[in-house]
Amino acid sequence: MDDWNHIGTCMQDAGCTADEIARAEMLCRAGAAEELLRCLRLCRSEQLETLHEKQKQLDRLDSLIRRTQNQL
């Protein structure tokens, strides 16, 4: 946990919130590796949930496109 800047930058690039990054920084600086890992996994889980929701939206649009094409 010697390079907080790298971790913070990666989290920011990954779309983590400012609160999530601040919590991770606190844990990193405190040397709480297990808690930091849990924090990172939670951030990942939230990102994955967002991805799944976006995929559902795309699926709906694809369905609408197909139905519209079939009517032509």
N, C-alpha and C. Protein backbone atom coordinates (compact mmCIF):
# COMPACT_ATOMS: atom_id res chain seq x y z
N MET A 1 0.83 -1.18 0.00
CA MET A 1 0.00 0.00 0.00
C MET A 1 0.87 1.25 0.00
N ASP A 2 1.96 1.19 -0.72
CA ASP A 2 2.91 2.28 -0.70
C ASP A 2 2.61 3.37 -1.72
N ASP A 3 1.67 3.13 -2.63
CA ASP A 3 1.44 4.11 -3.67
C ASP A 3 -0.03 4.51 -3.72
N TRP A 4 -0.44 5.36 -2.77
CA TRP A 4 -1.83 5.77 -2.73
C TRP A 4 -2.24 6.49 -4.01
N ASN A 5 -1.36 7.32 -4.57
CA ASN A 5 -1.72 8.07 -5.77
C ASN A 5 -2.15 7.15 -6.90
N HIS A 6 -1.46 6.03 -7.05
CA HIS A 6 -1.82 5.07 -8.09
C HIS A 6 -3.20 4.47 -7.82
N ILE A 7 -3.46 4.09 -6.60
CA ILE A 7 -4.75 3.51 -6.24
C ILE A 7 -5.86 4.54 -6.46
N GLY A 8 -5.65 5.75 -5.97
CA GLY A 8 -6.65 6.79 -6.13
C GLY A 8 -6.94 7.10 -7.58
N THR A 9 -5.91 7.17 -8.39
CA THR A 9 -6.08 7.43 -9.82
C THR A 9 -6.85 6.31 -10.49
N CYS A 10 -6.51 5.08 -10.16
CA CYS A 10 -7.20 3.93 -10.74
C CYS A 10 -8.68 3.94 -10.34
N MET A 11 -8.96 4.25 -9.10
CA MET A 11 -10.34 4.29 -8.64
C MET A 11 -11.11 5.39 -9.36
N GLN A 12 -10.48 6.53 -9.52
CA GLN A 12 -11.13 7.64 -10.22
C GLN A 12 -11.41 7.24 -11.67
N ASP A 13 -10.42 6.65 -12.33
CA ASP A 13 -10.59 6.21 -13.71
C ASP A 13 -11.68 5.15 -13.83
N ALA A 14 -11.86 4.37 -12.78
CA ALA A 14 -12.86 3.30 -12.79
C ALA A 14 -14.26 3.82 -12.49
N GLY A 15 -14.38 5.11 -12.17
CA GLY A 15 -15.69 5.69 -11.94
C GLY A 15 -16.16 5.63 -10.50
N CYS A 16 -15.26 5.39 -9.58
CA CYS A 16 -15.64 5.38 -8.17
C CYS A 16 -16.01 6.79 -7.72
N THR A 17 -16.87 6.87 -6.73
CA THR A 17 -17.30 8.16 -6.23
C THR A 17 -16.21 8.79 -5.36
N ALA A 18 -16.33 10.08 -5.14
CA ALA A 18 -15.37 10.78 -4.28
C ALA A 18 -15.39 10.20 -2.87
N ASP A 19 -16.57 9.83 -2.38
CA ASP A 19 -16.67 9.24 -1.04
C ASP A 19 -15.96 7.89 -0.98
N GLU A 20 -16.12 7.08 -2.01
CA GLU A 20 -15.46 5.78 -2.05
C GLU A 20 -13.94 5.95 -2.08
N ILE A 21 -13.49 6.90 -2.86
CA ILE A 21 -12.05 7.16 -2.97
C ILE A 21 -11.50 7.67 -1.64
N ALA A 22 -12.24 8.56 -0.99
CA ALA A 22 -11.79 9.09 0.30
C ALA A 22 -11.71 7.98 1.34
N ARG A 23 -12.70 7.10 1.35
CA ARG A 23 -12.68 5.97 2.30
C ARG A 23 -11.49 5.07 2.01
N ALA A 24 -11.26 4.76 0.74
CA ALA A 24 -10.13 3.91 0.38
C ALA A 24 -8.81 4.55 0.78
N GLU A 25 -8.71 5.85 0.59
CA GLU A 25 -7.47 6.54 0.97
C GLU A 25 -7.23 6.43 2.47
N MET A 26 -8.29 6.65 3.25
CA MET A 26 -8.16 6.55 4.70
C MET A 26 -7.69 5.15 5.10
N LEU A 27 -8.30 4.14 4.50
CA LEU A 27 -7.94 2.76 4.82
C LEU A 27 -6.52 2.44 4.38
N CYS A 28 -6.15 2.92 3.22
CA CYS A 28 -4.81 2.68 2.69
C CYS A 28 -3.76 3.31 3.61
N ARG A 29 -3.98 4.56 3.96
CA ARG A 29 -3.02 5.26 4.81
C ARG A 29 -2.94 4.67 6.22
N ALA A 30 -4.07 4.05 6.65
CA ALA A 30 -4.08 3.41 7.97
C ALA A 30 -3.48 2.01 7.93
N GLY A 31 -3.18 1.52 6.73
CA GLY A 31 -2.61 0.18 6.60
C GLY A 31 -3.62 -0.92 6.79
N ALA A 32 -4.90 -0.59 6.61
CA ALA A 32 -5.98 -1.56 6.79
C ALA A 32 -6.25 -2.28 5.46
N ALA A 33 -5.35 -3.19 5.12
CA ALA A 33 -5.40 -3.86 3.82
C ALA A 33 -6.68 -4.66 3.61
N GLU A 34 -7.14 -5.38 4.61
CA GLU A 34 -8.36 -6.19 4.47
C GLU A 34 -9.57 -5.30 4.25
N GLU A 35 -9.66 -4.23 5.01
CA GLU A 35 -10.78 -3.29 4.84
C GLU A 35 -10.71 -2.59 3.49
N LEU A 36 -9.51 -2.25 3.04
CA LEU A 36 -9.34 -1.64 1.73
C LEU A 36 -9.80 -2.60 0.65
N LEU A 37 -9.46 -3.84 0.77
CA LEU A 37 -9.88 -4.84 -0.20
C LEU A 37 -11.41 -4.94 -0.23
N ARG A 38 -12.05 -4.94 0.93
CA ARG A 38 -13.51 -4.97 0.98
C ARG A 38 -14.10 -3.74 0.31
N CYS A 39 -13.50 -2.59 0.56
CA CYS A 39 -13.95 -1.34 -0.04
C CYS A 39 -13.85 -1.41 -1.56
N LEU A 40 -12.73 -1.90 -2.06
CA LEU A 40 -12.53 -2.01 -3.50
C LEU A 40 -13.52 -3.00 -4.12
N ARG A 41 -13.77 -4.10 -3.43
CA ARG A 41 -14.73 -5.08 -3.93
C ARG A 41 -16.14 -4.51 -3.97
N LEU A 42 -16.49 -3.70 -2.98
CA LEU A 42 -17.80 -3.06 -2.96
C LEU A 42 -17.92 -2.08 -4.13
N CYS A 43 -16.88 -1.32 -4.37
CA CYS A 43 -16.88 -0.39 -5.52
C CYS A 43 -17.07 -1.17 -6.81
N ARG A 44 -16.39 -2.29 -6.93
CA ARG A 44 -16.51 -3.12 -8.13
C ARG A 44 -17.92 -3.64 -8.28
N SER A 45 -18.49 -4.10 -7.19
CA SER A 45 -19.85 -4.63 -7.22
C SER A 45 -20.84 -3.56 -7.68
N GLU A 46 -20.66 -2.34 -7.20
CA GLU A 46 -21.55 -1.25 -7.59
C GLU A 46 -21.37 -0.90 -9.07
N GLN A 47 -20.13 -0.93 -9.54
CA GLN A 47 -19.88 -0.68 -10.96
C GLN A 47 -20.51 -1.77 -11.83
N LEU A 48 -20.42 -3.01 -11.37
CA LEU A 48 -20.99 -4.12 -12.12
C LEU A 48 -22.51 -4.00 -12.18
N GLU A 49 -23.13 -3.61 -11.09
CA GLU A 49 -24.58 -3.41 -11.07
C GLU A 49 -24.98 -2.33 -12.07
N THR A 50 -24.21 -1.26 -12.13
CA THR A 50 -24.48 -0.20 -13.10
C THR A 50 -24.34 -0.73 -14.52
N LEU A 51 -23.31 -1.51 -14.75
CA LEU A 51 -23.10 -2.11 -16.07
C LEU A 51 -24.29 -2.98 -16.47
N HIS A 52 -24.78 -3.79 -15.54
CA HIS A 52 -25.91 -4.66 -15.83
C HIS A 52 -27.16 -3.84 -16.17
N GLU A 53 -27.37 -2.76 -15.45
CA GLU A 53 -28.52 -1.90 -15.73
C GLU A 53 -28.40 -1.28 -17.12
N LYS A 54 -27.21 -0.83 -17.48
CA LYS A 54 -26.98 -0.28 -18.82
C LYS A 54 -27.21 -1.35 -19.89
N GLN A 55 -26.78 -2.58 -19.61
CA GLN A 55 -27.00 -3.66 -20.57
C GLN A 55 -28.49 -3.91 -20.77
N LYS A 56 -29.27 -3.85 -19.70
CA LYS A 56 -30.72 -4.02 -19.82
C LYS A 56 -31.31 -2.91 -20.69
N GLN A 57 -30.84 -1.70 -20.52
CA GLN A 57 -31.32 -0.59 -21.32
C GLN A 57 -30.99 -0.79 -22.80
N LEU A 58 -29.77 -1.25 -23.07
CA LEU A 58 -29.38 -1.53 -24.45
C LEU A 58 -30.22 -2.65 -25.04
N ASP A 59 -30.50 -3.67 -24.26
CA ASP A 59 -31.33 -4.77 -24.72
C ASP A 59 -32.72 -4.28 -25.11
N ARG A 60 -33.27 -3.38 -24.31
CA ARG A 60 -34.59 -2.82 -24.62
C ARG A 60 -34.56 -2.04 -25.92
N LEU A 61 -33.50 -1.25 -26.10
CA LEU A 61 -33.36 -0.50 -27.35
C LEU A 61 -33.19 -1.43 -28.55
N ASP A 62 -32.40 -2.47 -28.39
CA ASP A 62 -32.22 -3.44 -29.47
C ASP A 62 -33.55 -4.07 -29.85
N SER A 63 -34.34 -4.40 -28.86
CA SER A 63 -35.65 -4.99 -29.11
C SER A 63 -36.55 -4.01 -29.87
N LEU A 64 -36.53 -2.78 -29.48
CA LEU A 64 -37.32 -1.75 -30.15
C LEU A 64 -36.85 -1.56 -31.59
N ILE A 65 -35.55 -1.58 -31.79
CA ILE A 65 -35.00 -1.46 -33.15
C ILE A 65 -35.46 -2.63 -34.01
N ARG A 66 -35.37 -3.84 -33.48
CA ARG A 66 -35.79 -5.02 -34.25
C ARG A 66 -37.29 -4.96 -34.60
N ARG A 67 -38.11 -4.59 -33.64
CA ARG A 67 -39.55 -4.49 -33.91
C ARG A 67 -39.85 -3.43 -34.97
N THR A 68 -39.14 -2.33 -34.88
CA THR A 68 -39.34 -1.27 -35.85
C THR A 68 -38.89 -1.69 -37.24
N GLN A 69 -37.76 -2.39 -37.31
CA GLN A 69 -37.27 -2.90 -38.61
C GLN A 69 -38.25 -3.88 -39.22
N ASN A 70 -38.85 -4.71 -38.40
CA ASN A 70 -39.79 -5.72 -38.88
C ASN A 70 -41.06 -5.09 -39.43
N GLN A 71 -41.38 -3.90 -39.01
CA GLN A 71 -42.57 -3.22 -39.48
C GLN A 71 -42.34 -2.52 -40.81
N LEU A 72 -41.09 -2.40 -41.23
CA LEU A 72 -40.79 -1.74 -42.50
C LEU A 72 -41.05 -2.63 -43.68
